[in-house]
Amino acid sequence: MKRLTTIFLFACIAVCSYGQTRFKQPVYEAIYSGVPWFDQHGNTVSAHGAGVIKDNGRYYLFGEFKTDSANVFNGFACYSSADLYNWTFERMALPLQEEGKLGKNRVGERPKVMKSPATGEYVMFMHVDSLNYKDQYVGYATAQHITGPYTFQGPILYEGKPIRRWDMGVFQDEDGTGYLLVHHGDIYQLTADYRGIDKQVASRVPGMGESPAMLKKNGVYFLLSSNLTSWERNDNQYHTARNIAGPWTEQGLFAPEGSLTWNSQCSFVLPIMGTQDTTFMYMGDRWSFPKQNSAATYVWQPFEIDGERLSIPAYQESWTIDLSTGQHKSVQTQGTEIELKDMDAVSFQGNWKADSMETYSSDNKDDHFLYTFTGTGLKLYGLARPDGGYAKVCIRDPKGNTVVESIVDMYCLYPAETLKFVSPALPKDTYTIIVTVMGERGNWADKRRNNYGSTGYGVALKRIAVQP
């Protein structure tokens, strides 16, 4: 394993001019949760409420392409990957429509794609709505090619009427039968072409919430959902059944209570089947309104399954998956740690303060620090907390050109020391990282006008790990 030099600090992100950078892939060597990912163009991967489908040996990620300004439909993006670590932007699979239900000032959420075994057609399902969430239905779009373009077909009908619900998901059973999952426990069996509803197989499963997802192992169906807290994280739960029609048994939480599902909301479960095992990968969103494009991240974790028990007992900041065998393993950051007193090379500008947790922190807009390093990349570890705000991270080359720029959200309902930023792999050189307090924070209200989000603007980064 490569040697890492680790430097302790607490910080926030600096303002940089930004020119688009094309990264030579592979950029990452593992799956990292809770940090911004970059595609081959140096842009943040934006595919939230997502699902993944494997097609001809390659993985395709479909999700909401968000903005940093408003909760409006901005198109559904498609990315592809050979390893689940590095994602190539393919296209806007279903772009903003010129008019209609997925036109301007509308809502489009949670796209999921399945391929109909009967027709070979790719069918995308999504939640369609108005900005005030009062014109909802489950819609669908179709394409002949996995990446699209997808043609929006309107609402999927059940007994001649649209399914007027919001959060939804999909599940494809081992025999190719497709199912539509709707919030609060409605499950519909699709027709063979996936363009319609054959029948409803379950209704209002007791204890179910929003954002449904499903997996199946050894004849047991697992049905996941979140509680109703808007974009705020909560403790997600699951149900089990031996028949998809039920009866369903409420099993409780699948992550430690109070972890808020490791600060995420469930979206999808991807089975990664190999010659020796199948890893079921939990896919969740760590929302960050209003900066949903630049600062919202993904929490992808391997499930542990024992009979009807489903869990993510510990958070893995980085892990690898052998796509051949289906086996996964955790990857730990290793290296030499330098105490705060040894950080003479870090230049702090503004009102940075050291505290008892060996962090430097500031909540003053434009406070920043600079650190020059020689290597191929770095990682930032921070303390996310209830008063955490946004930080801007900028990495410049020796000529002063910006090679990486990102926004990091330091908010969490409870204090959590965690990985907050991983740079893409860079050519070995001397770089300067600038971390600046933006003086902005994530805040939002739900449909009932309940307020959520940060109470302050603090940025607290604990250490830097430099890749030589």
Protein backbone atom coordinates (compact mmCIF):
# COMPACT_ATOMS: atom_id res chain seq x y z
CA MET A 1 0.00 0.00 0.00
CA LYS A 2 1.27 3.48 -0.83
CA ARG A 3 2.67 5.54 2.01
CA LEU A 4 0.59 8.56 3.07
CA THR A 5 1.77 11.65 4.89
CA THR A 6 -1.00 12.84 7.22
CA ILE A 7 -1.33 16.33 8.63
CA PHE A 8 -3.87 17.28 11.33
CA LEU A 9 -5.91 20.43 10.86
CA PHE A 10 -9.35 22.07 10.86
CA ALA A 11 -10.40 24.20 7.96
CA CYS A 12 -12.73 25.51 5.28
CA ILE A 13 -12.44 26.04 1.51
CA ALA A 14 -10.97 28.86 -0.62
CA VAL A 15 -12.32 30.72 -3.62
CA CYS A 16 -10.61 29.91 -6.93
CA SER A 17 -11.14 30.73 -10.54
CA TYR A 18 -12.01 27.46 -12.25
CA GLY A 19 -11.25 26.10 -15.66
CA GLN A 20 -12.63 22.73 -16.69
CA THR A 21 -10.11 19.94 -16.22
CA ARG A 22 -10.07 16.60 -17.97
CA PHE A 23 -8.83 13.83 -15.69
CA LYS A 24 -7.06 10.80 -17.00
CA GLN A 25 -8.96 7.81 -15.64
CA PRO A 26 -8.79 5.83 -13.47
CA VAL A 27 -9.21 8.64 -10.97
CA TYR A 28 -10.15 6.55 -7.93
CA GLU A 29 -9.04 3.15 -6.62
CA ALA A 30 -12.00 2.49 -4.29
CA ILE A 31 -15.59 3.46 -3.51
CA TYR A 32 -15.57 6.55 -1.29
CA SER A 33 -18.71 7.62 0.57
CA GLY A 34 -19.67 11.13 1.61
CA VAL A 35 -17.26 12.99 -0.70
CA PRO A 36 -17.77 14.66 -4.09
CA TRP A 37 -16.89 12.46 -7.07
CA PHE A 38 -15.49 13.78 -10.35
CA ASP A 39 -16.15 12.52 -13.85
CA GLN A 40 -13.67 12.45 -16.76
CA HIS A 41 -14.21 16.18 -17.38
CA GLY A 42 -13.49 17.24 -13.80
CA ASN A 43 -17.18 17.93 -13.14
CA THR A 44 -18.97 16.72 -10.04
CA VAL A 45 -20.94 13.53 -10.64
CA SER A 46 -24.58 14.59 -10.27
CA ALA A 47 -26.93 11.59 -10.26
CA HIS A 48 -29.09 11.64 -7.14
CA GLY A 49 -32.09 9.52 -6.21
CA ALA A 50 -30.20 7.09 -8.40
CA GLY A 51 -30.29 3.53 -9.64
CA VAL A 52 -27.66 1.38 -11.37
CA ILE A 53 -28.12 -1.24 -14.08
CA LYS A 54 -25.48 -3.58 -15.47
CA ASP A 55 -25.57 -4.00 -19.24
CA ASN A 56 -23.06 -5.86 -21.43
CA GLY A 57 -20.48 -5.95 -18.65
CA ARG A 58 -20.65 -2.24 -17.82
CA TYR A 59 -22.49 -0.40 -15.05
CA TYR A 60 -24.80 2.52 -15.83
CA LEU A 61 -25.78 5.09 -13.22
CA PHE A 62 -28.95 7.14 -13.73
CA GLY A 63 -29.92 9.98 -11.42
CA GLU A 64 -31.18 13.51 -10.95
CA PHE A 65 -28.84 16.10 -12.44
CA LYS A 66 -29.25 18.80 -9.81
CA THR A 67 -28.64 22.56 -9.78
CA ASP A 68 -27.18 24.69 -6.99
CA SER A 69 -30.04 27.17 -7.12
CA ALA A 70 -33.48 25.54 -7.01
CA ASN A 71 -35.30 22.23 -6.70
CA VAL A 72 -36.36 22.05 -10.34
CA PHE A 73 -36.12 19.31 -12.93
CA ASN A 74 -32.83 19.74 -14.76
CA GLY A 75 -32.69 16.41 -16.58
CA PHE A 76 -31.72 12.84 -15.71
CA ALA A 77 -28.03 12.11 -16.23
CA CYS A 78 -26.40 8.85 -17.32
CA TYR A 79 -22.87 7.85 -16.27
CA SER A 80 -21.07 4.58 -16.95
CA SER A 81 -18.30 2.66 -15.20
CA ALA A 82 -16.28 -0.52 -15.57
CA ASP A 83 -15.35 -0.73 -11.88
CA LEU A 84 -17.99 1.23 -9.86
CA TYR A 85 -15.19 3.62 -8.78
CA ASN A 86 -14.70 5.86 -11.81
CA TRP A 87 -17.66 7.33 -13.66
CA THR A 88 -17.81 8.58 -17.23
CA PHE A 89 -20.49 11.09 -18.14
CA GLU A 90 -22.40 9.66 -21.11
CA ARG A 91 -25.23 12.10 -21.72
CA MET A 92 -28.40 13.62 -20.37
CA ALA A 93 -30.46 10.48 -20.84
CA LEU A 94 -33.71 12.40 -20.42
CA PRO A 95 -33.09 16.16 -20.69
CA LEU A 96 -35.31 19.01 -19.63
CA GLN A 97 -38.31 19.01 -21.97
CA GLU A 98 -39.32 22.06 -23.99
CA GLU A 99 -42.77 21.91 -22.44
CA GLY A 100 -45.12 19.64 -20.52
CA LYS A 101 -44.87 17.69 -17.26
CA LEU A 102 -41.05 17.55 -17.34
CA GLY A 103 -40.57 21.05 -18.68
CA LYS A 104 -39.43 24.20 -16.94
CA ASN A 105 -40.41 24.76 -13.31
CA ARG A 106 -41.41 21.14 -12.79
CA VAL A 107 -40.07 18.35 -10.57
CA GLY A 108 -38.55 15.08 -11.79
CA GLU A 109 -37.05 12.68 -9.26
CA ARG A 110 -35.68 9.17 -8.57
CA PRO A 111 -35.11 7.80 -12.10
CA LYS A 112 -34.65 4.02 -12.28
CA VAL A 113 -33.96 2.02 -15.46
CA MET A 114 -34.72 -1.64 -16.17
CA LYS A 115 -34.41 -3.63 -19.39
CA SER A 116 -37.48 -5.64 -20.37
CA PRO A 117 -36.45 -9.25 -21.07
CA ALA A 118 -39.52 -9.59 -23.31
CA THR A 119 -38.77 -6.68 -25.66
CA GLY A 120 -35.14 -5.69 -25.04
CA GLU A 121 -36.32 -2.13 -24.51
CA TYR A 122 -34.94 0.06 -21.72
CA VAL A 123 -37.64 1.60 -19.54
CA MET A 124 -37.00 4.48 -17.15
CA PHE A 125 -39.41 5.17 -14.29
CA MET A 126 -39.54 8.44 -12.36
CA HIS A 127 -41.55 10.66 -10.01
CA VAL A 128 -43.13 13.58 -11.92
CA ASP A 129 -44.57 16.56 -10.05
CA SER A 130 -45.19 20.29 -9.77
CA LEU A 131 -42.96 22.55 -7.69
CA ASN A 132 -45.51 22.51 -4.85
CA TYR A 133 -45.74 18.69 -5.00
CA LYS A 134 -49.46 18.68 -5.77
CA ASP A 135 -49.44 17.21 -9.30
CA GLN A 136 -47.56 13.98 -8.74
CA TYR A 137 -47.58 10.72 -10.64
CA VAL A 138 -45.23 7.89 -11.59
CA GLY A 139 -44.06 8.43 -15.16
CA TYR A 140 -41.98 6.42 -17.59
CA ALA A 141 -39.73 6.89 -20.61
CA THR A 142 -38.31 4.42 -23.13
CA ALA A 143 -35.16 3.96 -25.22
CA GLN A 144 -33.61 1.40 -27.56
CA HIS A 145 -30.12 2.03 -26.21
CA ILE A 146 -29.03 1.98 -22.57
CA THR A 147 -27.70 5.56 -22.59
CA GLY A 148 -30.74 6.92 -24.43
CA PRO A 149 -32.01 9.29 -25.52
CA TYR A 150 -35.15 8.35 -23.60
CA THR A 151 -38.56 9.42 -24.84
CA PHE A 152 -40.95 10.53 -22.12
CA GLN A 153 -44.20 8.59 -22.46
CA GLY A 154 -46.23 10.17 -19.64
CA PRO A 155 -47.82 8.41 -16.65
CA ILE A 156 -47.81 4.65 -16.22
CA LEU A 157 -51.41 3.57 -15.81
CA TYR A 158 -53.09 1.24 -13.34
CA GLU A 159 -56.72 0.43 -14.12
CA GLY A 160 -56.65 3.25 -16.67
CA LYS A 161 -55.47 5.93 -14.24
CA PRO A 162 -52.09 7.42 -13.28
CA ILE A 163 -50.51 6.31 -10.00
CA ARG A 164 -50.59 9.66 -8.23
CA ARG A 165 -47.86 9.09 -5.67
CA TRP A 166 -44.38 10.50 -5.21
CA ASP A 167 -41.32 8.53 -4.00
CA MET A 168 -40.88 5.35 -6.02
CA GLY A 169 -38.37 2.63 -6.85
CA VAL A 170 -38.14 -0.53 -8.95
CA PHE A 171 -37.11 -4.15 -8.52
CA GLN A 172 -36.38 -6.84 -11.09
CA ASP A 173 -36.84 -10.37 -9.76
CA GLU A 174 -34.68 -13.36 -10.70
CA ASP A 175 -37.18 -14.49 -13.34
CA GLY A 176 -37.19 -11.05 -15.02
CA THR A 177 -40.51 -9.91 -13.58
CA GLY A 178 -40.45 -6.18 -12.96
CA TYR A 179 -42.02 -4.42 -10.01
CA LEU A 180 -42.81 -0.80 -9.23
CA LEU A 181 -42.36 0.18 -5.58
CA VAL A 182 -44.26 3.17 -4.22
CA HIS A 183 -43.87 4.96 -0.90
CA HIS A 184 -45.71 3.57 2.12
CA GLY A 185 -45.71 0.05 0.78
CA ASP A 186 -47.64 -0.21 -2.47
CA ILE A 187 -46.08 -2.77 -4.86
CA TYR A 188 -47.20 -3.24 -8.47
CA GLN A 189 -46.24 -6.01 -10.88
CA LEU A 190 -45.39 -4.65 -14.31
CA THR A 191 -46.50 -6.08 -17.63
CA ALA A 192 -43.89 -8.05 -19.58
CA ASP A 193 -42.92 -4.97 -21.64
CA TYR A 194 -42.64 -2.85 -18.45
CA ARG A 195 -44.89 -0.22 -20.04
CA GLY A 196 -47.92 -0.95 -17.90
CA ILE A 197 -49.21 -2.44 -14.65
CA ASP A 198 -50.34 -6.05 -14.60
CA LYS A 199 -51.62 -6.05 -11.01
CA GLN A 200 -51.09 -4.65 -7.54
CA VAL A 201 -49.49 -7.29 -5.31
CA ALA A 202 -49.21 -5.37 -2.01
CA SER A 203 -50.93 -2.35 -0.54
CA ARG A 204 -49.91 -0.08 2.32
CA VAL A 205 -47.37 -2.34 3.99
CA PRO A 206 -47.58 -1.29 7.68
CA GLY A 207 -44.61 0.76 8.86
CA MET A 208 -43.29 1.60 5.39
CA GLY A 209 -42.10 5.11 4.59
CA GLU A 210 -40.65 6.98 1.63
CA SER A 211 -37.88 6.25 -0.89
CA PRO A 212 -38.51 2.48 -1.30
CA ALA A 213 -35.80 0.06 -2.44
CA MET A 214 -35.67 -3.74 -2.56
CA LEU A 215 -33.28 -6.67 -2.69
CA LYS A 216 -33.66 -10.45 -2.59
CA LYS A 217 -31.34 -13.07 -1.16
CA ASN A 218 -31.95 -16.79 -0.64
CA GLY A 219 -35.66 -16.43 -1.23
CA VAL A 220 -36.10 -13.51 1.20
CA TYR A 221 -37.31 -10.12 -0.04
CA PHE A 222 -36.00 -7.06 1.83
CA LEU A 223 -38.00 -3.83 1.45
CA LEU A 224 -36.24 -0.62 2.55
CA SER A 225 -37.66 2.83 3.23
CA SER A 226 -36.89 6.11 4.99
CA ASN A 227 -38.87 8.26 7.38
CA LEU A 228 -40.48 11.54 6.35
CA THR A 229 -37.95 14.28 7.12
CA SER A 230 -37.60 15.94 3.71
CA TRP A 231 -33.88 16.03 2.72
CA GLU A 232 -32.80 15.61 6.33
CA ARG A 233 -31.17 12.27 7.15
CA ASN A 234 -33.01 9.79 9.36
CA ASP A 235 -32.82 6.20 10.59
CA ASN A 236 -34.10 4.09 7.67
CA GLN A 237 -35.90 0.79 8.25
CA TYR A 238 -36.68 -2.47 6.46
CA HIS A 239 -39.28 -5.23 6.14
CA THR A 240 -38.92 -8.85 5.02
CA ALA A 241 -41.16 -11.41 3.31
CA ARG A 242 -40.87 -14.81 1.63
CA ASN A 243 -43.39 -13.73 -1.00
CA ILE A 244 -43.33 -10.30 -2.58
CA ALA A 245 -47.08 -10.09 -1.96
CA GLY A 246 -46.47 -10.57 1.76
CA PRO A 247 -47.12 -10.92 4.55
CA TRP A 248 -44.38 -8.41 5.34
CA THR A 249 -42.63 -8.34 8.72
CA GLU A 250 -41.30 -5.09 10.11
CA GLN A 251 -37.69 -5.69 11.17
CA GLY A 252 -36.50 -2.28 12.38
CA LEU A 253 -33.37 -0.34 11.45
CA PHE A 254 -30.53 -1.59 9.26
CA ALA A 255 -27.92 0.89 10.54
CA PRO A 256 -27.14 1.78 14.18
CA GLU A 257 -29.81 3.90 15.81
CA GLY A 258 -28.87 7.55 15.76
CA SER A 259 -26.41 7.18 12.88
CA LEU A 260 -29.19 8.45 10.60
CA THR A 261 -28.34 5.60 8.23
CA TRP A 262 -24.78 6.90 8.20
CA ASN A 263 -26.20 10.29 7.21
CA SER A 264 -28.10 9.20 4.13
CA GLN A 265 -31.46 8.30 2.61
CA CYS A 266 -31.89 5.00 0.78
CA SER A 267 -32.34 5.06 -2.98
CA PHE A 268 -31.40 1.68 -4.47
CA VAL A 269 -29.67 -1.64 -3.80
CA LEU A 270 -27.28 -3.04 -6.42
CA PRO A 271 -26.48 -6.77 -6.37
CA ILE A 272 -22.88 -7.37 -7.47
CA MET A 273 -22.76 -11.05 -8.37
CA GLY A 274 -19.47 -12.93 -8.63
CA THR A 275 -18.13 -16.45 -8.70
CA GLN A 276 -17.75 -16.71 -4.93
CA ASP A 277 -20.24 -14.26 -3.42
CA THR A 278 -22.80 -11.54 -4.09
CA THR A 279 -22.29 -8.16 -2.47
CA PHE A 280 -25.50 -6.17 -2.08
CA MET A 281 -24.52 -2.51 -2.23
CA TYR A 282 -26.66 0.03 -0.41
CA MET A 283 -26.96 3.27 -2.38
CA GLY A 284 -28.01 6.35 -0.43
CA ASP A 285 -28.05 10.12 -0.86
CA ARG A 286 -26.53 12.68 1.46
CA TRP A 287 -28.58 15.67 0.34
CA SER A 288 -27.27 19.26 0.64
CA PHE A 289 -29.85 21.84 -0.37
CA PRO A 290 -29.41 24.30 -1.96
CA LYS A 291 -26.04 23.10 -3.31
CA GLN A 292 -27.37 19.76 -4.50
CA ASN A 293 -25.12 19.67 -7.57
CA SER A 294 -21.78 20.53 -6.02
CA ALA A 295 -22.05 19.45 -2.36
CA ALA A 296 -24.60 16.62 -2.17
CA THR A 297 -22.79 13.28 -2.03
CA TYR A 298 -23.40 9.52 -2.09
CA VAL A 299 -23.21 6.90 0.63
CA TRP A 300 -22.53 3.48 -0.90
CA GLN A 301 -21.97 0.70 1.62
CA PRO A 302 -21.89 -3.12 1.52
CA PHE A 303 -24.76 -4.80 3.35
CA GLU A 304 -24.28 -7.64 5.82
CA ILE A 305 -27.08 -10.23 5.50
CA ASP A 306 -27.78 -13.14 7.84
CA GLY A 307 -31.07 -14.89 7.14
CA GLU A 308 -33.64 -12.15 7.52
CA ARG A 309 -31.24 -9.76 9.26
CA LEU A 310 -29.95 -6.86 7.19
CA SER A 311 -27.37 -4.39 8.47
CA ILE A 312 -24.64 -1.85 7.84
CA PRO A 313 -23.06 -2.13 11.29
CA ALA A 314 -20.03 0.07 10.63
CA TYR A 315 -19.37 2.92 8.22
CA GLN A 316 -16.67 2.22 5.65
CA GLU A 317 -15.20 5.45 4.31
CA SER A 318 -13.57 3.50 1.47
CA TRP A 319 -13.84 -0.08 0.22
CA THR A 320 -13.12 -2.15 -2.84
CA ILE A 321 -15.13 -4.74 -4.73
CA ASP A 322 -13.77 -7.60 -6.83
CA LEU A 323 -16.27 -7.70 -9.68
CA SER A 324 -15.10 -11.18 -10.65
CA THR A 325 -15.60 -12.87 -7.28
CA GLY A 326 -18.26 -10.53 -5.87
CA GLN A 327 -16.23 -10.07 -2.68
CA HIS A 328 -15.54 -6.74 -1.00
CA LYS A 329 -13.05 -5.47 1.57
CA SER A 330 -12.47 -2.29 3.54
CA VAL A 331 -9.55 0.01 2.65
CA GLN A 332 -7.92 1.99 5.45
CA THR A 333 -5.90 5.18 5.14
CA GLN A 334 -2.40 4.62 6.48
CA GLY A 335 0.56 6.92 6.97
CA THR A 336 2.57 9.15 9.28
CA GLU A 337 0.56 11.66 11.32
CA ILE A 338 1.95 15.09 12.13
CA GLU A 339 0.53 16.84 15.21
CA LEU A 340 -0.95 20.32 15.07
CA LYS A 341 2.18 21.84 16.60
CA ASP A 342 4.15 20.60 13.60
CA MET A 343 2.00 22.37 11.02
CA ASP A 344 4.35 25.28 10.36
CA ALA A 345 3.92 24.75 6.62
CA VAL A 346 0.19 25.60 6.80
CA SER A 347 -0.62 29.29 6.33
CA PHE A 348 -3.83 30.29 8.14
CA GLN A 349 -5.52 33.53 7.12
CA GLY A 350 -8.29 34.89 9.37
CA ASN A 351 -9.74 33.87 12.70
CA TRP A 352 -8.90 30.15 12.84
CA LYS A 353 -9.04 28.57 16.27
CA ALA A 354 -7.62 25.32 17.63
CA ASP A 355 -9.79 23.33 20.03
CA SER A 356 -9.59 20.33 22.37
CA MET A 357 -10.49 17.94 19.53
CA GLU A 358 -7.28 18.87 17.69
CA THR A 359 -9.08 20.72 14.95
CA TYR A 360 -8.81 24.19 13.47
CA SER A 361 -12.14 25.88 12.88
CA SER A 362 -13.64 29.10 11.64
CA ASP A 363 -17.08 30.41 10.73
CA ASN A 364 -15.91 33.73 9.30
CA LYS A 365 -16.56 34.19 5.61
CA ASP A 366 -13.41 34.17 3.45
CA ASP A 367 -11.14 32.84 6.21
CA HIS A 368 -8.87 30.32 4.54
CA PHE A 369 -5.65 28.38 4.78
CA LEU A 370 -3.04 27.31 2.25
CA TYR A 371 -0.79 24.28 2.24
CA THR A 372 1.73 23.35 -0.45
CA PHE A 373 2.47 19.68 -0.96
CA THR A 374 4.27 17.41 -3.39
CA GLY A 375 2.41 14.28 -4.41
CA THR A 376 -0.38 12.80 -6.51
CA GLY A 377 -3.40 13.84 -4.44
CA LEU A 378 -4.80 14.20 -0.94
CA LYS A 379 -7.68 13.54 1.41
CA LEU A 380 -9.32 15.96 3.85
CA TYR A 381 -10.82 14.75 7.13
CA GLY A 382 -13.24 16.98 8.95
CA LEU A 383 -15.64 17.34 11.85
CA ALA A 384 -19.18 17.65 10.52
CA ARG A 385 -21.57 19.12 13.09
CA PRO A 386 -24.99 20.81 13.53
CA ASP A 387 -23.56 24.29 12.85
CA GLY A 388 -21.43 23.23 9.89
CA GLY A 389 -21.46 25.30 6.72
CA TYR A 390 -20.00 25.10 3.24
CA ALA A 391 -16.29 25.14 2.44
CA LYS A 392 -14.66 25.58 -0.93
CA VAL A 393 -11.64 23.40 -1.75
CA CYS A 394 -9.27 24.44 -4.49
CA ILE A 395 -6.06 22.75 -5.68
CA ARG A 396 -3.65 24.70 -7.89
CA ASP A 397 -0.63 23.56 -9.87
CA PRO A 398 2.78 25.31 -9.82
CA LYS A 399 1.61 27.75 -12.51
CA GLY A 400 -1.39 28.80 -10.44
CA ASN A 401 -3.91 26.96 -12.59
CA THR A 402 -6.88 25.43 -10.79
CA VAL A 403 -6.83 21.68 -11.36
CA VAL A 404 -9.51 20.67 -8.84
CA GLU A 405 -12.32 22.68 -7.27
CA SER A 406 -15.10 21.44 -5.04
CA ILE A 407 -17.60 22.46 -2.37
CA VAL A 408 -17.81 20.46 0.85
CA ASP A 409 -20.79 20.42 3.22
CA MET A 410 -19.68 20.31 6.88
CA TYR A 411 -23.21 19.87 8.29
CA CYS A 412 -24.39 16.90 10.33
CA LEU A 413 -27.10 16.61 13.00
CA TYR A 414 -24.51 15.10 15.34
CA PRO A 415 -20.71 15.67 15.50
CA ALA A 416 -19.00 13.21 13.17
CA GLU A 417 -15.31 13.03 12.34
CA THR A 418 -15.18 11.75 8.78
CA LEU A 419 -13.59 11.90 5.35
CA LYS A 420 -14.91 14.98 3.50
CA PHE A 421 -12.85 15.28 0.31
CA VAL A 422 -10.74 13.01 -1.90
CA SER A 423 -8.89 14.55 -4.80
CA PRO A 424 -8.73 12.71 -8.11
CA ALA A 425 -5.39 11.08 -8.91
CA LEU A 426 -3.07 13.81 -10.21
CA PRO A 427 0.28 13.71 -12.01
CA LYS A 428 3.01 13.86 -9.39
CA ASP A 429 3.89 17.51 -8.89
CA THR A 430 3.87 20.32 -6.34
CA TYR A 431 0.41 21.68 -5.62
CA THR A 432 -1.21 24.19 -3.27
CA ILE A 433 -4.54 23.47 -1.60
CA ILE A 434 -6.67 26.41 -0.49
CA VAL A 435 -9.59 25.82 1.86
CA THR A 436 -12.00 28.73 2.34
CA VAL A 437 -15.00 29.37 4.58
CA MET A 438 -17.85 30.32 2.26
CA GLY A 439 -20.17 31.89 4.85
CA GLU A 440 -23.04 29.81 3.47
CA ARG A 441 -25.01 26.87 4.85
CA GLY A 442 -27.59 24.30 3.89
CA ASN A 443 -31.17 25.18 4.89
CA TRP A 444 -34.57 24.16 3.59
CA ALA A 445 -38.23 23.67 4.50
CA ASP A 446 -40.54 20.76 3.66
CA LYS A 447 -44.08 20.82 2.30
CA ARG A 448 -45.40 21.43 5.83
CA ARG A 449 -43.01 24.37 6.28
CA ASN A 450 -40.88 22.56 8.82
CA ASN A 451 -37.34 23.97 8.76
CA TYR A 452 -34.22 21.81 8.49
CA GLY A 453 -30.50 22.23 8.09
CA SER A 454 -27.49 23.91 9.65
CA THR A 455 -27.53 26.51 12.41
CA GLY A 456 -24.18 28.05 11.46
CA TYR A 457 -21.34 28.46 8.98
CA GLY A 458 -18.51 26.56 10.68
CA VAL A 459 -15.87 24.61 8.84
CA ALA A 460 -13.80 22.10 10.83
CA LEU A 461 -11.24 19.96 9.04
CA LYS A 462 -9.02 17.80 11.21
CA ARG A 463 -6.25 16.44 9.02
CA ILE A 464 -4.86 16.14 5.53
CA ALA A 465 -3.49 12.93 4.08
CA VAL A 466 -1.10 13.53 1.19
CA GLN A 467 -0.60 10.82 -1.41
CA PRO A 468 3.10 10.78 -2.40
